[in-house]
Amino acid sequence: MKSLLRGLVVITLCLFVFSCSSVNPWERGILAKPEMAWEPDPLVGQLQEHVYFSKEGSSGGYGAGGGGCGCN
C-alpha cells in the first residue's frame, strides 16, 4: 500500500514539475499565430454563440439579452 501511494505521489509531482515551462522570446511568435488561438475565426464564434443562446432562450452570460425567438 505504501509503495502504491509513493508511486502516485511521484507521478503527481512529475506531472506538476514538467507541466510548467517558460516560453522563450523567439518562441512567442509561433504561439501568436492565428491558428493557435482558442477561437481562430471570431465571427464564426459569435455566430455560434448567437445561435446557441437563441435556441436555448437564455443569454449565456455574454451580455446579450433576449428570448428564444432569435430576434435579438
N, C-alpha and C. Protein backbone atom coordinates (compact mmCIF):
# COMPACT_ATOMS: atom_id res chain seq x y z
N MET A 1 0.82 -1.19 0.00
CA MET A 1 0.00 0.00 0.00
C MET A 1 0.87 1.26 0.00
N LYS A 2 1.96 1.21 0.79
CA LYS A 2 2.85 2.37 0.85
C LYS A 2 3.55 2.61 -0.48
N SER A 3 3.93 1.53 -1.15
CA SER A 3 4.61 1.70 -2.44
C SER A 3 3.66 2.26 -3.49
N LEU A 4 2.40 1.87 -3.44
CA LEU A 4 1.41 2.41 -4.37
C LEU A 4 1.21 3.90 -4.12
N LEU A 5 1.09 4.27 -2.86
CA LEU A 5 0.93 5.68 -2.50
C LEU A 5 2.17 6.48 -2.89
N ARG A 6 3.34 5.91 -2.64
CA ARG A 6 4.58 6.59 -3.00
C ARG A 6 4.67 6.76 -4.52
N GLY A 7 4.27 5.75 -5.27
CA GLY A 7 4.27 5.84 -6.73
C GLY A 7 3.32 6.92 -7.24
N LEU A 8 2.13 7.01 -6.64
CA LEU A 8 1.17 8.04 -7.03
C LEU A 8 1.70 9.44 -6.72
N VAL A 9 2.36 9.58 -5.59
CA VAL A 9 2.94 10.88 -5.23
C VAL A 9 4.04 11.26 -6.22
N VAL A 10 4.88 10.31 -6.59
CA VAL A 10 5.96 10.59 -7.54
C VAL A 10 5.38 10.98 -8.90
N ILE A 11 4.38 10.26 -9.37
CA ILE A 11 3.75 10.57 -10.66
C ILE A 11 3.10 11.95 -10.62
N THR A 12 2.41 12.26 -9.53
CA THR A 12 1.77 13.57 -9.40
C THR A 12 2.80 14.68 -9.38
N LEU A 13 3.88 14.50 -8.66
CA LEU A 13 4.93 15.51 -8.62
C LEU A 13 5.56 15.69 -10.00
N CYS A 14 5.78 14.60 -10.71
CA CYS A 14 6.34 14.71 -12.07
C CYS A 14 5.41 15.49 -12.98
N LEU A 15 4.12 15.25 -12.87
CA LEU A 15 3.17 15.99 -13.69
C LEU A 15 3.21 17.48 -13.38
N PHE A 16 3.30 17.82 -12.11
CA PHE A 16 3.35 19.23 -11.74
C PHE A 16 4.66 19.89 -12.16
N VAL A 17 5.75 19.19 -12.04
CA VAL A 17 7.05 19.76 -12.37
C VAL A 17 7.20 19.95 -13.87
N PHE A 18 6.79 18.98 -14.66
CA PHE A 18 7.00 19.03 -16.10
C PHE A 18 5.89 19.76 -16.85
N SER A 19 4.81 20.13 -16.17
CA SER A 19 3.73 20.83 -16.87
C SER A 19 4.00 22.32 -17.01
N CYS A 20 4.88 22.87 -16.20
CA CYS A 20 5.20 24.29 -16.27
C CYS A 20 6.51 24.49 -17.03
N SER A 21 6.47 25.37 -17.99
CA SER A 21 7.70 25.69 -18.71
C SER A 21 7.65 27.15 -19.13
N SER A 22 8.80 27.74 -19.28
CA SER A 22 8.85 29.12 -19.72
C SER A 22 8.96 29.14 -21.25
N VAL A 23 8.44 30.20 -21.84
CA VAL A 23 8.46 30.37 -23.28
C VAL A 23 9.53 31.39 -23.62
N ASN A 24 10.43 31.01 -24.48
CA ASN A 24 11.48 31.92 -24.91
C ASN A 24 10.92 32.98 -25.85
N PRO A 25 11.55 34.15 -25.91
CA PRO A 25 11.03 35.22 -26.77
C PRO A 25 10.90 34.83 -28.24
N TRP A 26 11.81 34.01 -28.75
CA TRP A 26 11.73 33.63 -30.16
C TRP A 26 10.64 32.58 -30.42
N GLU A 27 10.12 31.97 -29.35
CA GLU A 27 9.02 31.00 -29.50
C GLU A 27 7.65 31.66 -29.42
N ARG A 28 7.59 32.87 -28.94
CA ARG A 28 6.30 33.54 -28.78
C ARG A 28 5.66 33.87 -30.11
N GLY A 29 6.47 34.07 -31.15
CA GLY A 29 5.91 34.33 -32.47
C GLY A 29 5.12 33.14 -32.99
N ILE A 30 5.59 31.94 -32.67
CA ILE A 30 4.88 30.73 -33.09
C ILE A 30 3.55 30.63 -32.36
N LEU A 31 3.54 30.95 -31.07
CA LEU A 31 2.31 30.86 -30.29
C LEU A 31 1.32 31.98 -30.62
N ALA A 32 1.79 33.04 -31.25
CA ALA A 32 0.92 34.17 -31.57
C ALA A 32 0.25 34.01 -32.93
N LYS A 33 0.49 32.92 -33.62
CA LYS A 33 -0.13 32.70 -34.93
C LYS A 33 -1.64 32.53 -34.77
N PRO A 34 -2.40 32.96 -35.78
CA PRO A 34 -3.87 32.85 -35.68
C PRO A 34 -4.38 31.42 -35.48
N GLU A 35 -3.71 30.45 -36.04
CA GLU A 35 -4.20 29.07 -35.87
C GLU A 35 -3.99 28.53 -34.46
N MET A 36 -3.23 29.25 -33.64
CA MET A 36 -3.03 28.83 -32.26
C MET A 36 -4.05 29.44 -31.31
N ALA A 37 -4.94 30.27 -31.81
CA ALA A 37 -5.94 30.93 -30.97
C ALA A 37 -7.02 29.94 -30.53
N TRP A 38 -7.64 30.23 -29.39
CA TRP A 38 -8.75 29.39 -28.94
C TRP A 38 -9.88 29.43 -29.95
N GLU A 39 -10.11 30.61 -30.49
CA GLU A 39 -11.18 30.82 -31.47
C GLU A 39 -10.53 31.38 -32.73
N PRO A 40 -10.17 30.52 -33.71
CA PRO A 40 -9.47 31.02 -34.90
C PRO A 40 -10.26 32.06 -35.70
N ASP A 41 -11.56 31.90 -35.77
CA ASP A 41 -12.39 32.84 -36.51
C ASP A 41 -13.41 33.45 -35.55
N PRO A 42 -13.20 34.69 -35.08
CA PRO A 42 -14.11 35.27 -34.09
C PRO A 42 -15.53 35.44 -34.60
N LEU A 43 -15.71 35.69 -35.89
CA LEU A 43 -17.07 35.87 -36.41
C LEU A 43 -17.87 34.56 -36.36
N VAL A 44 -17.21 33.45 -36.65
CA VAL A 44 -17.89 32.16 -36.57
C VAL A 44 -18.25 31.88 -35.11
N GLY A 45 -17.37 32.21 -34.19
CA GLY A 45 -17.65 32.02 -32.77
C GLY A 45 -18.83 32.84 -32.30
N GLN A 46 -18.91 34.10 -32.76
CA GLN A 46 -20.04 34.95 -32.39
C GLN A 46 -21.34 34.41 -32.96
N LEU A 47 -21.30 33.91 -34.19
CA LEU A 47 -22.49 33.33 -34.80
C LEU A 47 -22.94 32.10 -34.03
N GLN A 48 -22.01 31.25 -33.64
CA GLN A 48 -22.36 30.05 -32.89
C GLN A 48 -22.94 30.41 -31.52
N GLU A 49 -22.39 31.43 -30.86
CA GLU A 49 -22.93 31.88 -29.59
C GLU A 49 -24.34 32.41 -29.77
N HIS A 50 -24.57 33.17 -30.84
CA HIS A 50 -25.89 33.73 -31.10
C HIS A 50 -26.91 32.62 -31.34
N VAL A 51 -26.54 31.63 -32.13
CA VAL A 51 -27.45 30.52 -32.39
C VAL A 51 -27.72 29.75 -31.11
N TYR A 52 -26.70 29.56 -30.29
CA TYR A 52 -26.87 28.81 -29.05
C TYR A 52 -27.84 29.51 -28.11
N PHE A 53 -27.60 30.79 -27.83
CA PHE A 53 -28.49 31.41 -26.85
C PHE A 53 -29.84 31.76 -27.44
N SER A 54 -29.97 31.80 -28.76
CA SER A 54 -31.28 31.98 -29.36
C SER A 54 -32.11 30.70 -29.22
N LYS A 55 -31.47 29.57 -29.40
CA LYS A 55 -32.18 28.29 -29.27
C LYS A 55 -32.47 27.96 -27.81
N GLU A 56 -31.55 28.30 -26.92
CA GLU A 56 -31.71 27.98 -25.52
C GLU A 56 -32.70 28.91 -24.82
N GLY A 57 -32.89 30.10 -25.35
CA GLY A 57 -33.78 31.05 -24.70
C GLY A 57 -33.11 31.73 -23.51
N SER A 58 -31.80 31.73 -23.48
CA SER A 58 -31.06 32.38 -22.41
C SER A 58 -29.91 33.16 -23.01
N SER A 59 -29.34 34.06 -22.20
CA SER A 59 -28.30 34.92 -22.74
C SER A 59 -26.93 34.27 -22.68
N GLY A 60 -26.73 33.21 -21.96
CA GLY A 60 -25.46 32.50 -21.94
C GLY A 60 -24.33 33.24 -21.25
N GLY A 61 -24.61 34.37 -20.60
CA GLY A 61 -23.58 35.09 -19.88
C GLY A 61 -22.72 35.97 -20.75
N TYR A 62 -23.12 36.26 -21.96
CA TYR A 62 -22.31 37.09 -22.85
C TYR A 62 -22.79 38.53 -22.89
N GLY A 63 -23.75 38.88 -22.08
CA GLY A 63 -24.20 40.28 -22.01
C GLY A 63 -25.32 40.62 -22.96
N ALA A 64 -25.77 39.68 -23.75
CA ALA A 64 -26.88 39.94 -24.66
C ALA A 64 -28.15 39.34 -24.11
N GLY A 65 -29.22 40.10 -24.15
CA GLY A 65 -30.48 39.61 -23.65
C GLY A 65 -31.39 39.20 -24.78
N GLY A 66 -32.43 38.50 -24.44
CA GLY A 66 -33.40 38.14 -25.46
C GLY A 66 -34.03 36.80 -25.17
N GLY A 67 -35.04 36.49 -25.94
CA GLY A 67 -35.74 35.24 -25.77
C GLY A 67 -35.31 34.20 -26.75
N GLY A 68 -36.13 33.19 -26.93
CA GLY A 68 -35.82 32.09 -27.81
C GLY A 68 -36.23 32.30 -29.25
N CYS A 69 -36.70 33.52 -29.59
CA CYS A 69 -37.20 33.74 -30.96
C CYS A 69 -36.08 34.03 -31.95
N GLY A 70 -34.89 34.34 -31.49
CA GLY A 70 -33.78 34.64 -32.38
C GLY A 70 -33.81 36.06 -32.94
N CYS A 71 -34.57 36.94 -32.34
CA CYS A 71 -34.72 38.28 -32.88
C CYS A 71 -33.83 39.32 -32.20
N ASN A 72 -32.90 38.88 -31.36
CA ASN A 72 -32.09 39.87 -30.64
C ASN A 72 -30.90 40.21 -31.45
